[in-house]
Amino acid sequence: MTSKQDARMRETPKVTAQWQTEIEVRHGIGLHARPSVIFTRLAKSFPCTIEIEVNGSSIWLNGKSIVKVMGAKIRKGSLLKIRADGILAAEAIAALRELVEHNFDEGKIHGRNA
């Protein structure tokens, strides 16, 4: 590799940033098994770290862990903070926020709205 190629590789760092959102959970039963699986599956699809905090507890949990998300016992009316740090963090926050806003798409059955 030439020194010119080496310099170009160093000049293209990966852009990372931390993003955060806060949203009220309006799903009828909160994050029971199915919504928790949907949430963590979506979170895992992003290369950044994703954490959640419930009701201002100051305890941040791994948003990609089904055990942590279900263990948080997130009920209807809970205030959920979601933060992401790293590559595609903004996109992850937007997608997870939309998922919560649309009640985890539970109204959809076989590609149709119920």
PDB file of N, CA and C in Angstrom:
ATOM      1  N   MET A   1       0.851  -1.169   0.000  1.00  0.00           N
ATOM      2  CA  MET A   1       0.000   0.000   0.000  1.00  0.00           C
ATOM      3  C   MET A   1       0.896   1.232   0.000  1.00  0.00           C
ATOM      4  N   THR A   2       0.559   2.184  -0.844  1.00  0.00           N
ATOM      5  CA  THR A   2       1.354   3.409  -0.910  1.00  0.00           C
ATOM      6  C   THR A   2       0.990   4.322   0.239  1.00  0.00           C
ATOM      7  N   SER A   3       1.854   5.287   0.501  1.00  0.00           N
ATOM      8  CA  SER A   3       1.562   6.223   1.594  1.00  0.00           C
ATOM      9  C   SER A   3       0.338   7.069   1.285  1.00  0.00           C
ATOM     10  N   LYS A   4       0.065   7.317  -0.003  1.00  0.00           N
ATOM     11  CA  LYS A   4      -1.114   8.093  -0.382  1.00  0.00           C
ATOM     12  C   LYS A   4      -2.389   7.297  -0.058  1.00  0.00           C
ATOM     13  N   GLN A   5      -2.398   5.990  -0.364  1.00  0.00           N
ATOM     14  CA  GLN A   5      -3.548   5.154  -0.036  1.00  0.00           C
ATOM     15  C   GLN A   5      -3.734   5.057   1.472  1.00  0.00           C
ATOM     16  N   ASP A   6      -2.637   4.925   2.192  1.00  0.00           N
ATOM     17  CA  ASP A   6      -2.678   4.839   3.640  1.00  0.00           C
ATOM     18  C   ASP A   6      -3.289   6.106   4.236  1.00  0.00           C
ATOM     19  N   ALA A   7      -2.917   7.267   3.708  1.00  0.00           N
ATOM     20  CA  ALA A   7      -3.441   8.540   4.199  1.00  0.00           C
ATOM     21  C   ALA A   7      -4.948   8.634   3.956  1.00  0.00           C
ATOM     22  N   ARG A   8      -5.416   8.149   2.804  1.00  0.00           N
ATOM     23  CA  ARG A   8      -6.855   8.200   2.512  1.00  0.00           C
ATOM     24  C   ARG A   8      -7.638   7.317   3.465  1.00  0.00           C
ATOM     25  N   MET A   9      -7.103   6.181   3.806  1.00  0.00           N
ATOM     26  CA  MET A   9      -7.789   5.291   4.736  1.00  0.00           C
ATOM     27  C   MET A   9      -7.924   5.938   6.104  1.00  0.00           C
ATOM     28  N   ARG A  10      -6.923   6.662   6.530  1.00  0.00           N
ATOM     29  CA  ARG A  10      -6.992   7.327   7.839  1.00  0.00           C
ATOM     30  C   ARG A  10      -7.925   8.518   7.811  1.00  0.00           C
ATOM     31  N   GLU A  11      -8.132   9.113   6.648  1.00  0.00           N
ATOM     32  CA  GLU A  11      -8.971  10.308   6.545  1.00  0.00           C
ATOM     33  C   GLU A  11     -10.459   9.989   6.471  1.00  0.00           C
ATOM     34  N   THR A  12     -10.832   8.736   6.447  1.00  0.00           N
ATOM     35  CA  THR A  12     -12.243   8.385   6.342  1.00  0.00           C
ATOM     36  C   THR A  12     -12.710   7.649   7.594  1.00  0.00           C
ATOM     37  N   PRO A  13     -12.726   8.344   8.731  1.00  0.00           N
ATOM     38  CA  PRO A  13     -13.183   7.685   9.957  1.00  0.00           C
ATOM     39  C   PRO A  13     -14.684   7.432   9.898  1.00  0.00           C
ATOM     40  N   LYS A  14     -15.138   6.435  10.620  1.00  0.00           N
ATOM     41  CA  LYS A  14     -16.568   6.165  10.702  1.00  0.00           C
ATOM     42  C   LYS A  14     -17.206   7.215  11.599  1.00  0.00           C
ATOM     43  N   VAL A  15     -18.287   7.785  11.119  1.00  0.00           N
ATOM     44  CA  VAL A  15     -18.976   8.827  11.875  1.00  0.00           C
ATOM     45  C   VAL A  15     -19.886   8.167  12.902  1.00  0.00           C
ATOM     46  N   THR A  16     -19.704   8.521  14.163  1.00  0.00           N
ATOM     47  CA  THR A  16     -20.555   7.977  15.209  1.00  0.00           C
ATOM     48  C   THR A  16     -21.098   9.122  16.055  1.00  0.00           C
ATOM     49  N   ALA A  17     -22.234   8.900  16.643  1.00  0.00           N
ATOM     50  CA  ALA A  17     -22.840   9.907  17.506  1.00  0.00           C
ATOM     51  C   ALA A  17     -23.838   9.223  18.427  1.00  0.00           C
ATOM     52  N   GLN A  18     -24.136   9.889  19.536  1.00  0.00           N
ATOM     53  CA  GLN A  18     -25.131   9.350  20.455  1.00  0.00           C
ATOM     54  C   GLN A  18     -26.446  10.087  20.243  1.00  0.00           C
ATOM     55  N   TRP A  19     -27.525   9.335  20.168  1.00  0.00           N
ATOM     56  CA  TRP A  19     -28.867   9.877  19.988  1.00  0.00           C
ATOM     57  C   TRP A  19     -29.764   9.301  21.066  1.00  0.00           C
ATOM     58  N   GLN A  20     -30.808  10.054  21.410  1.00  0.00           N
ATOM     59  CA  GLN A  20     -31.710   9.612  22.467  1.00  0.00           C
ATOM     60  C   GLN A  20     -33.117  10.109  22.181  1.00  0.00           C
ATOM     61  N   THR A  21     -34.096   9.339  22.604  1.00  0.00           N
ATOM     62  CA  THR A  21     -35.488   9.757  22.507  1.00  0.00           C
ATOM     63  C   THR A  21     -36.221   9.284  23.755  1.00  0.00           C
ATOM     64  N   GLU A  22     -37.357   9.878  23.991  1.00  0.00           N
ATOM     65  CA  GLU A  22     -38.189   9.519  25.137  1.00  0.00           C
ATOM     66  C   GLU A  22     -39.608   9.371  24.624  1.00  0.00           C
ATOM     67  N   ILE A  23     -40.270   8.288  25.026  1.00  0.00           N
ATOM     68  CA  ILE A  23     -41.616   8.028  24.526  1.00  0.00           C
ATOM     69  C   ILE A  23     -42.425   7.270  25.571  1.00  0.00           C
ATOM     70  N   GLU A  24     -43.709   7.554  25.598  1.00  0.00           N
ATOM     71  CA  GLU A  24     -44.607   6.822  26.497  1.00  0.00           C
ATOM     72  C   GLU A  24     -45.090   5.566  25.796  1.00  0.00           C
ATOM     73  N   VAL A  25     -45.079   4.455  26.509  1.00  0.00           N
ATOM     74  CA  VAL A  25     -45.560   3.194  25.958  1.00  0.00           C
ATOM     75  C   VAL A  25     -47.081   3.192  26.067  1.00  0.00           C
ATOM     76  N   ARG A  26     -47.749   3.072  24.930  1.00  0.00           N
ATOM     77  CA  ARG A  26     -49.207   3.111  24.910  1.00  0.00           C
ATOM     78  C   ARG A  26     -49.822   1.754  24.574  1.00  0.00           C
ATOM     79  N   HIS A  27     -48.982   0.783  24.333  1.00  0.00           N
ATOM     80  CA  HIS A  27     -49.472  -0.563  24.016  1.00  0.00           C
ATOM     81  C   HIS A  27     -50.284  -1.079  25.199  1.00  0.00           C
ATOM     82  N   GLY A  28     -51.397  -1.711  24.924  1.00  0.00           N
ATOM     83  CA  GLY A  28     -52.330  -2.160  25.952  1.00  0.00           C
ATOM     84  C   GLY A  28     -51.725  -2.910  27.123  1.00  0.00           C
ATOM     85  N   ILE A  29     -50.801  -3.797  26.865  1.00  0.00           N
ATOM     86  CA  ILE A  29     -50.198  -4.567  27.950  1.00  0.00           C
ATOM     87  C   ILE A  29     -48.722  -4.233  28.132  1.00  0.00           C
ATOM     88  N   GLY A  30     -48.224  -3.268  27.411  1.00  0.00           N
ATOM     89  CA  GLY A  30     -46.806  -2.926  27.530  1.00  0.00           C
ATOM     90  C   GLY A  30     -45.941  -3.862  26.711  1.00  0.00           C
ATOM     91  N   LEU A  31     -44.710  -4.027  27.132  1.00  0.00           N
ATOM     92  CA  LEU A  31     -43.779  -4.887  26.389  1.00  0.00           C
ATOM     93  C   LEU A  31     -43.804  -6.302  26.946  1.00  0.00           C
ATOM     94  N   HIS A  32     -44.871  -7.030  26.625  1.00  0.00           N
ATOM     95  CA  HIS A  32     -44.907  -8.443  26.985  1.00  0.00           C
ATOM     96  C   HIS A  32     -44.035  -9.190  25.979  1.00  0.00           C
ATOM     97  N   ALA A  33     -44.144 -10.480  25.902  1.00  0.00           N
ATOM     98  CA  ALA A  33     -43.217 -11.301  25.109  1.00  0.00           C
ATOM     99  C   ALA A  33     -43.102 -10.869  23.647  1.00  0.00           C
ATOM    100  N   ARG A  34     -44.211 -10.804  22.929  1.00  0.00           N
ATOM    101  CA  ARG A  34     -44.141 -10.514  21.498  1.00  0.00           C
ATOM    102  C   ARG A  34     -43.550  -9.132  21.206  1.00  0.00           C
ATOM    103  N   PRO A  35     -44.027  -8.049  21.831  1.00  0.00           N
ATOM    104  CA  PRO A  35     -43.417  -6.753  21.561  1.00  0.00           C
ATOM    105  C   PRO A  35     -41.937  -6.686  21.965  1.00  0.00           C
ATOM    106  N   SER A  36     -41.576  -7.383  23.021  1.00  0.00           N
ATOM    107  CA  SER A  36     -40.166  -7.404  23.438  1.00  0.00           C
ATOM    108  C   SER A  36     -39.292  -8.059  22.380  1.00  0.00           C
ATOM    109  N   VAL A  37     -39.783  -9.143  21.802  1.00  0.00           N
ATOM    110  CA  VAL A  37     -39.042  -9.828  20.740  1.00  0.00           C
ATOM    111  C   VAL A  37     -38.919  -8.922  19.521  1.00  0.00           C
ATOM    112  N   ILE A  38     -39.996  -8.270  19.140  1.00  0.00           N
ATOM    113  CA  ILE A  38     -39.978  -7.371  17.984  1.00  0.00           C
ATOM    114  C   ILE A  38     -39.006  -6.220  18.227  1.00  0.00           C
ATOM    115  N   PHE A  39     -39.045  -5.638  19.428  1.00  0.00           N
ATOM    116  CA  PHE A  39     -38.162  -4.519  19.775  1.00  0.00           C
ATOM    117  C   PHE A  39     -36.695  -4.948  19.709  1.00  0.00           C
ATOM    118  N   THR A  40     -36.360  -6.047  20.368  1.00  0.00           N
ATOM    119  CA  THR A  40     -34.951  -6.468  20.409  1.00  0.00           C
ATOM    120  C   THR A  40     -34.463  -6.930  19.039  1.00  0.00           C
ATOM    121  N   ARG A  41     -35.316  -7.557  18.264  1.00  0.00           N
ATOM    122  CA  ARG A  41     -34.926  -7.980  16.917  1.00  0.00           C
ATOM    123  C   ARG A  41     -34.577  -6.760  16.066  1.00  0.00           C
ATOM    124  N   LEU A  42     -35.402  -5.716  16.151  1.00  0.00           N
ATOM    125  CA  LEU A  42     -35.114  -4.491  15.404  1.00  0.00           C
ATOM    126  C   LEU A  42     -33.837  -3.843  15.930  1.00  0.00           C
ATOM    127  N   ALA A  43     -33.682  -3.785  17.239  1.00  0.00           N
ATOM    128  CA  ALA A  43     -32.483  -3.190  17.834  1.00  0.00           C
ATOM    129  C   ALA A  43     -31.222  -3.917  17.367  1.00  0.00           C
ATOM    130  N   LYS A  44     -31.283  -5.226  17.300  1.00  0.00           N
ATOM    131  CA  LYS A  44     -30.123  -6.026  16.878  1.00  0.00           C
ATOM    132  C   LYS A  44     -29.756  -5.814  15.415  1.00  0.00           C
ATOM    133  N   SER A  45     -30.678  -5.282  14.639  1.00  0.00           N
ATOM    134  CA  SER A  45     -30.408  -5.076  13.217  1.00  0.00           C
ATOM    135  C   SER A  45     -29.511  -3.857  12.965  1.00  0.00           C
ATOM    136  N   PHE A  46     -29.216  -3.099  14.013  1.00  0.00           N
ATOM    137  CA  PHE A  46     -28.353  -1.923  13.887  1.00  0.00           C
ATOM    138  C   PHE A  46     -26.998  -2.202  14.536  1.00  0.00           C
ATOM    139  N   PRO A  47     -25.914  -1.683  13.941  1.00  0.00           N
ATOM    140  CA  PRO A  47     -24.572  -1.964  14.464  1.00  0.00           C
ATOM    141  C   PRO A  47     -24.184  -1.149  15.698  1.00  0.00           C
ATOM    142  N   CYS A  48     -25.032  -0.238  16.132  1.00  0.00           N
ATOM    143  CA  CYS A  48     -24.713   0.612  17.273  1.00  0.00           C
ATOM    144  C   CYS A  48     -25.165  -0.049  18.586  1.00  0.00           C
ATOM    145  N   THR A  49     -24.725   0.527  19.708  1.00  0.00           N
ATOM    146  CA  THR A  49     -25.225   0.052  20.992  1.00  0.00           C
ATOM    147  C   THR A  49     -26.573   0.729  21.245  1.00  0.00           C
ATOM    148  N   ILE A  50     -27.491  -0.015  21.826  1.00  0.00           N
ATOM    149  CA  ILE A  50     -28.824   0.514  22.123  1.00  0.00           C
ATOM    150  C   ILE A  50     -29.144   0.163  23.560  1.00  0.00           C
ATOM    151  N   GLU A  51     -29.556   1.183  24.313  1.00  0.00           N
ATOM    152  CA  GLU A  51     -29.905   0.986  25.720  1.00  0.00           C
ATOM    153  C   GLU A  51     -31.253   1.631  25.996  1.00  0.00           C
ATOM    154  N   ILE A  52     -31.938   1.101  27.019  1.00  0.00           N
ATOM    155  CA  ILE A  52     -33.222   1.666  27.420  1.00  0.00           C
ATOM    156  C   ILE A  52     -33.208   1.961  28.919  1.00  0.00           C
ATOM    157  N   GLU A  53     -34.002   2.949  29.283  1.00  0.00           N
ATOM    158  CA  GLU A  53     -34.221   3.295  30.690  1.00  0.00           C
ATOM    159  C   GLU A  53     -35.729   3.411  30.873  1.00  0.00           C
ATOM    160  N   VAL A  54     -36.237   2.901  31.978  1.00  0.00           N
ATOM    161  CA  VAL A  54     -37.678   2.883  32.207  1.00  0.00           C
ATOM    162  C   VAL A  54     -38.024   3.770  33.394  1.00  0.00           C
ATOM    163  N   ASN A  55     -38.951   4.697  33.166  1.00  0.00           N
ATOM    164  CA  ASN A  55     -39.500   5.563  34.210  1.00  0.00           C
ATOM    165  C   ASN A  55     -38.437   6.303  35.026  1.00  0.00           C
ATOM    166  N   GLY A  56     -37.410   6.786  34.376  1.00  0.00           N
ATOM    167  CA  GLY A  56     -36.398   7.598  35.058  1.00  0.00           C
ATOM    168  C   GLY A  56     -35.601   6.864  36.118  1.00  0.00           C
ATOM    169  N   SER A  57     -35.436   5.567  35.961  1.00  0.00           N
ATOM    170  CA  SER A  57     -34.747   4.752  36.966  1.00  0.00           C
ATOM    171  C   SER A  57     -33.244   5.009  37.043  1.00  0.00           C
ATOM    172  N   SER A  58     -32.686   5.671  36.022  1.00  0.00           N
ATOM    173  CA  SER A  58     -31.240   5.895  35.896  1.00  0.00           C
ATOM    174  C   SER A  58     -30.467   4.597  35.694  1.00  0.00           C
ATOM    175  N   ILE A  59     -31.167   3.513  35.414  1.00  0.00           N
ATOM    176  CA  ILE A  59     -30.535   2.231  35.115  1.00  0.00           C
ATOM    177  C   ILE A  59     -30.742   1.966  33.626  1.00  0.00           C
ATOM    178  N   TRP A  60     -29.634   1.939  32.900  1.00  0.00           N
ATOM    179  CA  TRP A  60     -29.694   1.706  31.463  1.00  0.00           C
ATOM    180  C   TRP A  60     -29.479   0.225  31.181  1.00  0.00           C
ATOM    181  N   LEU A  61     -30.401  -0.347  30.423  1.00  0.00           N
ATOM    182  CA  LEU A  61     -30.374  -1.774  30.102  1.00  0.00           C
ATOM    183  C   LEU A  61     -30.057  -1.977  28.623  1.00  0.00           C
ATOM    184  N   ASN A  62     -29.454  -3.109  28.307  1.00  0.00           N
ATOM    185  CA  ASN A  62     -29.138  -3.452  26.934  1.00  0.00           C
ATOM    186  C   ASN A  62     -30.436  -3.655  26.148  1.00  0.00           C
ATOM    187  N   GLY A  63     -30.693  -2.776  25.193  1.00  0.00           N
ATOM    188  CA  GLY A  63     -31.915  -2.852  24.395  1.00  0.00           C
ATOM    189  C   GLY A  63     -31.932  -3.977  23.388  1.00  0.00           C
ATOM    190  N   LYS A  64     -30.812  -4.692  23.259  1.00  0.00           N
ATOM    191  CA  LYS A  64     -30.745  -5.822  22.343  1.00  0.00           C
ATOM    192  C   LYS A  64     -30.925  -7.153  23.072  1.00  0.00           C
ATOM    193  N   SER A  65     -31.098  -7.096  24.388  1.00  0.00           N
ATOM    194  CA  SER A  65     -31.229  -8.304  25.203  1.00  0.00           C
ATOM    195  C   SER A  65     -32.695  -8.557  25.541  1.00  0.00           C
ATOM    196  N   ILE A  66     -33.233  -9.658  25.022  1.00  0.00           N
ATOM    197  CA  ILE A  66     -34.628  -9.999  25.312  1.00  0.00           C
ATOM    198  C   ILE A  66     -34.837 -10.201  26.806  1.00  0.00           C
ATOM    199  N   VAL A  67     -33.854 -10.762  27.483  1.00  0.00           N
ATOM    200  CA  VAL A  67     -33.955 -10.994  28.926  1.00  0.00           C
ATOM    201  C   VAL A  67     -34.056  -9.661  29.673  1.00  0.00           C
ATOM    202  N   LYS A  68     -33.221  -8.696  29.295  1.00  0.00           N
ATOM    203  CA  LYS A  68     -33.240  -7.387  29.965  1.00  0.00           C
ATOM    204  C   LYS A  68     -34.533  -6.624  29.669  1.00  0.00           C
ATOM    205  N   VAL A  69     -34.965  -6.646  28.411  1.00  0.00           N
ATOM    206  CA  VAL A  69     -36.169  -5.900  28.032  1.00  0.00           C
ATOM    207  C   VAL A  69     -37.407  -6.495  28.703  1.00  0.00           C
ATOM    208  N   MET A  70     -37.559  -7.816  28.661  1.00  0.00           N
ATOM    209  CA  MET A  70     -38.717  -8.426  29.321  1.00  0.00           C
ATOM    210  C   MET A  70     -38.625  -8.282  30.836  1.00  0.00           C
ATOM    211  N   GLY A  71     -37.421  -8.373  31.371  1.00  0.00           N
ATOM    212  CA  GLY A  71     -37.214  -8.244  32.810  1.00  0.00           C
ATOM    213  C   GLY A  71     -37.515  -6.860  33.349  1.00  0.00           C
ATOM    214  N   ALA A  72     -37.506  -5.853  32.471  1.00  0.00           N
ATOM    215  CA  ALA A  72     -37.788  -4.484  32.900  1.00  0.00           C
ATOM    216  C   ALA A  72     -39.269  -4.271  33.203  1.00  0.00           C
ATOM    217  N   LYS A  73     -40.115  -5.223  32.799  1.00  0.00           N
ATOM    218  CA  LYS A  73     -41.563  -5.155  33.054  1.00  0.00           C
ATOM    219  C   LYS A  73     -42.146  -3.803  32.656  1.00  0.00           C
ATOM    220  N   ILE A  74     -41.974  -3.466  31.399  1.00  0.00           N
ATOM    221  CA  ILE A  74     -42.431  -2.184  30.862  1.00  0.00           C
ATOM    222  C   ILE A  74     -43.929  -2.269  30.588  1.00  0.00           C
ATOM    223  N   ARG A  75     -44.693  -1.513  31.339  1.00  0.00           N
ATOM    224  CA  ARG A  75     -46.155  -1.531  31.266  1.00  0.00           C
ATOM    225  C   ARG A  75     -46.689  -0.348  30.468  1.00  0.00           C
ATOM    226  N   LYS A  76     -47.970  -0.404  30.148  1.00  0.00           N
ATOM    227  CA  LYS A  76     -48.641   0.725  29.507  1.00  0.00           C
ATOM    228  C   LYS A  76     -48.495   1.943  30.409  1.00  0.00           C
ATOM    229  N   GLY A  77     -48.137   3.069  29.802  1.00  0.00           N
ATOM    230  CA  GLY A  77     -47.947   4.299  30.559  1.00  0.00           C
ATOM    231  C   GLY A  77     -46.515   4.517  31.018  1.00  0.00           C
ATOM    232  N   SER A  78     -45.664   3.514  30.861  1.00  0.00           N
ATOM    233  CA  SER A  78     -44.254   3.673  31.243  1.00  0.00           C
ATOM    234  C   SER A  78     -43.581   4.678  30.321  1.00  0.00           C
ATOM    235  N   LEU A  79     -42.665   5.442  30.879  1.00  0.00           N
ATOM    236  CA  LEU A  79     -41.870   6.376  30.092  1.00  0.00           C
ATOM    237  C   LEU A  79     -40.570   5.670  29.730  1.00  0.00           C
ATOM    238  N   LEU A  80     -40.377   5.471  28.451  1.00  0.00           N
ATOM    239  CA  LEU A  80     -39.234   4.721  27.947  1.00  0.00           C
ATOM    240  C   LEU A  80     -38.249   5.670  27.284  1.00  0.00           C
ATOM    241  N   LYS A  81     -37.011   5.668  27.766  1.00  0.00           N
ATOM    242  CA  LYS A  81     -35.940   6.409  27.109  1.00  0.00           C
ATOM    243  C   LYS A  81     -35.121   5.391  26.331  1.00  0.00           C
ATOM    244  N   ILE A  82     -34.823   5.732  25.101  1.00  0.00           N
ATOM    245  CA  ILE A  82     -34.011   4.873  24.256  1.00  0.00           C
ATOM    246  C   ILE A  82     -32.819   5.685  23.806  1.00  0.00           C
ATOM    247  N   ARG A  83     -31.612   5.148  23.978  1.00  0.00           N
ATOM    248  CA  ARG A  83     -30.434   5.843  23.474  1.00  0.00           C
ATOM    249  C   ARG A  83     -29.594   4.878  22.649  1.00  0.00           C
ATOM    250  N   ALA A  84     -28.969   5.442  21.645  1.00  0.00           N
ATOM    251  CA  ALA A  84     -28.117   4.657  20.760  1.00  0.00           C
ATOM    252  C   ALA A  84     -26.819   5.414  20.557  1.00  0.00           C
ATOM    253  N   ASP A  85     -25.737   4.663  20.476  1.00  0.00           N
ATOM    254  CA  ASP A  85     -24.421   5.262  20.320  1.00  0.00           C
ATOM    255  C   ASP A  85     -23.650   4.471  19.276  1.00  0.00           C
ATOM    256  N   GLY A  86     -23.205   5.160  18.249  1.00  0.00           N
ATOM    257  CA  GLY A  86     -22.398   4.502  17.231  1.00  0.00           C
ATOM    258  C   GLY A  86     -22.959   4.692  15.837  1.00  0.00           C
ATOM    259  N   ILE A  87     -22.527   3.808  14.964  1.00  0.00           N
ATOM    260  CA  ILE A  87     -22.914   3.864  13.559  1.00  0.00           C
ATOM    261  C   ILE A  87     -24.409   3.603  13.423  1.00  0.00           C
ATOM    262  N   LEU A  88     -25.077   4.442  12.644  1.00  0.00           N
ATOM    263  CA  LEU A  88     -26.523   4.365  12.386  1.00  0.00           C
ATOM    264  C   LEU A  88     -27.370   4.587  13.638  1.00  0.00           C
ATOM    265  N   ALA A  89     -26.835   5.286  14.613  1.00  0.00           N
ATOM    266  CA  ALA A  89     -27.568   5.543  15.859  1.00  0.00           C
ATOM    267  C   ALA A  89     -28.848   6.331  15.609  1.00  0.00           C
ATOM    268  N   ALA A  90     -28.786   7.352  14.778  1.00  0.00           N
ATOM    269  CA  ALA A  90     -29.972   8.171  14.502  1.00  0.00           C
ATOM    270  C   ALA A  90     -31.066   7.330  13.849  1.00  0.00           C
ATOM    271  N   GLU A  91     -30.674   6.493  12.902  1.00  0.00           N
ATOM    272  CA  GLU A  91     -31.635   5.636  12.220  1.00  0.00           C
ATOM    273  C   GLU A  91     -32.247   4.626  13.187  1.00  0.00           C
ATOM    274  N   ALA A  92     -31.439   4.099  14.085  1.00  0.00           N
ATOM    275  CA  ALA A  92     -31.930   3.139  15.074  1.00  0.00           C
ATOM    276  C   ALA A  92     -32.975   3.791  15.976  1.00  0.00           C
ATOM    277  N   ILE A  93     -32.672   4.986  16.458  1.00  0.00           N
ATOM    278  CA  ILE A  93     -33.618   5.695  17.330  1.00  0.00           C
ATOM    279  C   ILE A  93     -34.926   5.960  16.599  1.00  0.00           C
ATOM    280  N   ALA A  94     -34.835   6.421  15.358  1.00  0.00           N
ATOM    281  CA  ALA A  94     -36.047   6.710  14.588  1.00  0.00           C
ATOM    282  C   ALA A  94     -36.881   5.446  14.383  1.00  0.00           C
ATOM    283  N   ALA A  95     -36.239   4.341  14.046  1.00  0.00           N
ATOM    284  CA  ALA A  95     -36.963   3.093  13.796  1.00  0.00           C
ATOM    285  C   ALA A  95     -37.604   2.549  15.069  1.00  0.00           C
ATOM    286  N   LEU A  96     -36.870   2.587  16.183  1.00  0.00           N
ATOM    287  CA  LEU A  96     -37.418   2.076  17.446  1.00  0.00           C
ATOM    288  C   LEU A  96     -38.538   2.969  17.963  1.00  0.00           C
ATOM    289  N   ARG A  97     -38.394   4.271  17.807  1.00  0.00           N
ATOM    290  CA  ARG A  97     -39.455   5.198  18.214  1.00  0.00           C
ATOM    291  C   ARG A  97     -40.728   4.927  17.409  1.00  0.00           C
ATOM    292  N   GLU A  98     -40.569   4.755  16.099  1.00  0.00           N
ATOM    293  CA  GLU A  98     -41.725   4.477  15.249  1.00  0.00           C
ATOM    294  C   GLU A  98     -42.389   3.157  15.640  1.00  0.00           C
ATOM    295  N   LEU A  99     -41.587   2.162  15.968  1.00  0.00           N
ATOM    296  CA  LEU A  99     -42.122   0.873  16.390  1.00  0.00           C
ATOM    297  C   LEU A  99     -42.981   1.021  17.647  1.00  0.00           C
ATOM    298  N   VAL A 100     -42.484   1.757  18.639  1.00  0.00           N
ATOM    299  CA  VAL A 100     -43.240   1.964  19.885  1.00  0.00           C
ATOM    300  C   VAL A 100     -44.501   2.785  19.600  1.00  0.00           C
ATOM    301  N   GLU A 101     -44.371   3.830  18.775  1.00  0.00           N
ATOM    302  CA  GLU A 101     -45.520   4.673  18.439  1.00  0.00           C
ATOM    303  C   GLU A 101     -46.619   3.880  17.740  1.00  0.00           C
ATOM    304  N   HIS A 102     -46.242   2.874  16.973  1.00  0.00           N
ATOM    305  CA  HIS A 102     -47.215   2.064  16.231  1.00  0.00           C
ATOM    306  C   HIS A 102     -47.546   0.765  16.967  1.00  0.00           C
ATOM    307  N   ASN A 103     -47.387   0.789  18.292  1.00  0.00           N
ATOM    308  CA  ASN A 103     -47.758  -0.354  19.140  1.00  0.00           C
ATOM    309  C   ASN A 103     -47.157  -1.677  18.665  1.00  0.00           C
ATOM    310  N   PHE A 104     -45.903  -1.614  18.221  1.00  0.00           N
ATOM    311  CA  PHE A 104     -45.145  -2.806  17.855  1.00  0.00           C
ATOM    312  C   PHE A 104     -45.779  -3.566  16.696  1.00  0.00           C
ATOM    313  N   ASP A 105     -46.565  -2.836  15.902  1.00  0.00           N
ATOM    314  CA  ASP A 105     -47.223  -3.409  14.718  1.00  0.00           C
ATOM    315  C   ASP A 105     -48.069  -4.626  15.045  1.00  0.00           C
ATOM    316  N   GLU A 106     -48.594  -4.678  16.254  1.00  0.00           N
ATOM    317  CA  GLU A 106     -49.402  -5.840  16.637  1.00  0.00           C
ATOM    318  C   GLU A 106     -50.767  -5.861  15.972  1.00  0.00           C
ATOM    319  N   GLY A 107     -51.200  -4.740  15.400  1.00  0.00           N
ATOM    320  CA  GLY A 107     -52.476  -4.728  14.701  1.00  0.00           C
ATOM    321  C   GLY A 107     -52.404  -5.386  13.340  1.00  0.00           C
ATOM    322  N   LYS A 108     -51.195  -5.664  12.874  1.00  0.00           N
ATOM    323  CA  LYS A 108     -51.030  -6.269  11.555  1.00  0.00           C
ATOM    324  C   LYS A 108     -51.091  -7.787  11.668  1.00  0.00           C
ATOM    325  N   ILE A 109     -51.936  -8.361  10.828  1.00  0.00           N
ATOM    326  CA  ILE A 109     -52.040  -9.809  10.796  1.00  0.00           C
ATOM    327  C   ILE A 109     -51.835 -10.234   9.343  1.00  0.00           C
ATOM    328  N   HIS A 110     -50.797 -11.022   9.111  1.00  0.00           N
ATOM    329  CA  HIS A 110     -50.499 -11.526   7.766  1.00  0.00           C
ATOM    330  C   HIS A 110     -50.419 -10.401   6.749  1.00  0.00           C
ATOM    331  N   GLY A 111     -49.756  -9.311   7.118  1.00  0.00           N
ATOM    332  CA  GLY A 111     -49.546  -8.228   6.178  1.00  0.00           C
ATOM    333  C   GLY A 111     -50.708  -7.271   6.034  1.00  0.00           C
ATOM    334  N   ARG A 112     -51.776  -7.491   6.784  1.00  0.00           N
ATOM    335  CA  ARG A 112     -52.947  -6.610   6.720  1.00  0.00           C
ATOM    336  C   ARG A 112     -53.185  -5.966   8.064  1.00  0.00           C
ATOM    337  N   ASN A 113     -53.809  -4.821   8.073  1.00  0.00           N
ATOM    338  CA  ASN A 113     -54.195  -4.201   9.343  1.00  0.00           C
ATOM    339  C   ASN A 113     -55.455  -4.879   9.849  1.00  0.00           C
ATOM    340  N   ALA A 114     -55.462  -5.189  11.115  1.00  0.00           N
ATOM    341  CA  ALA A 114     -56.634  -5.860  11.702  1.00  0.00           C
ATOM    342  C   ALA A 114     -57.735  -4.869  11.964  1.00  0.00           C
TER     343      ALA A 114
END
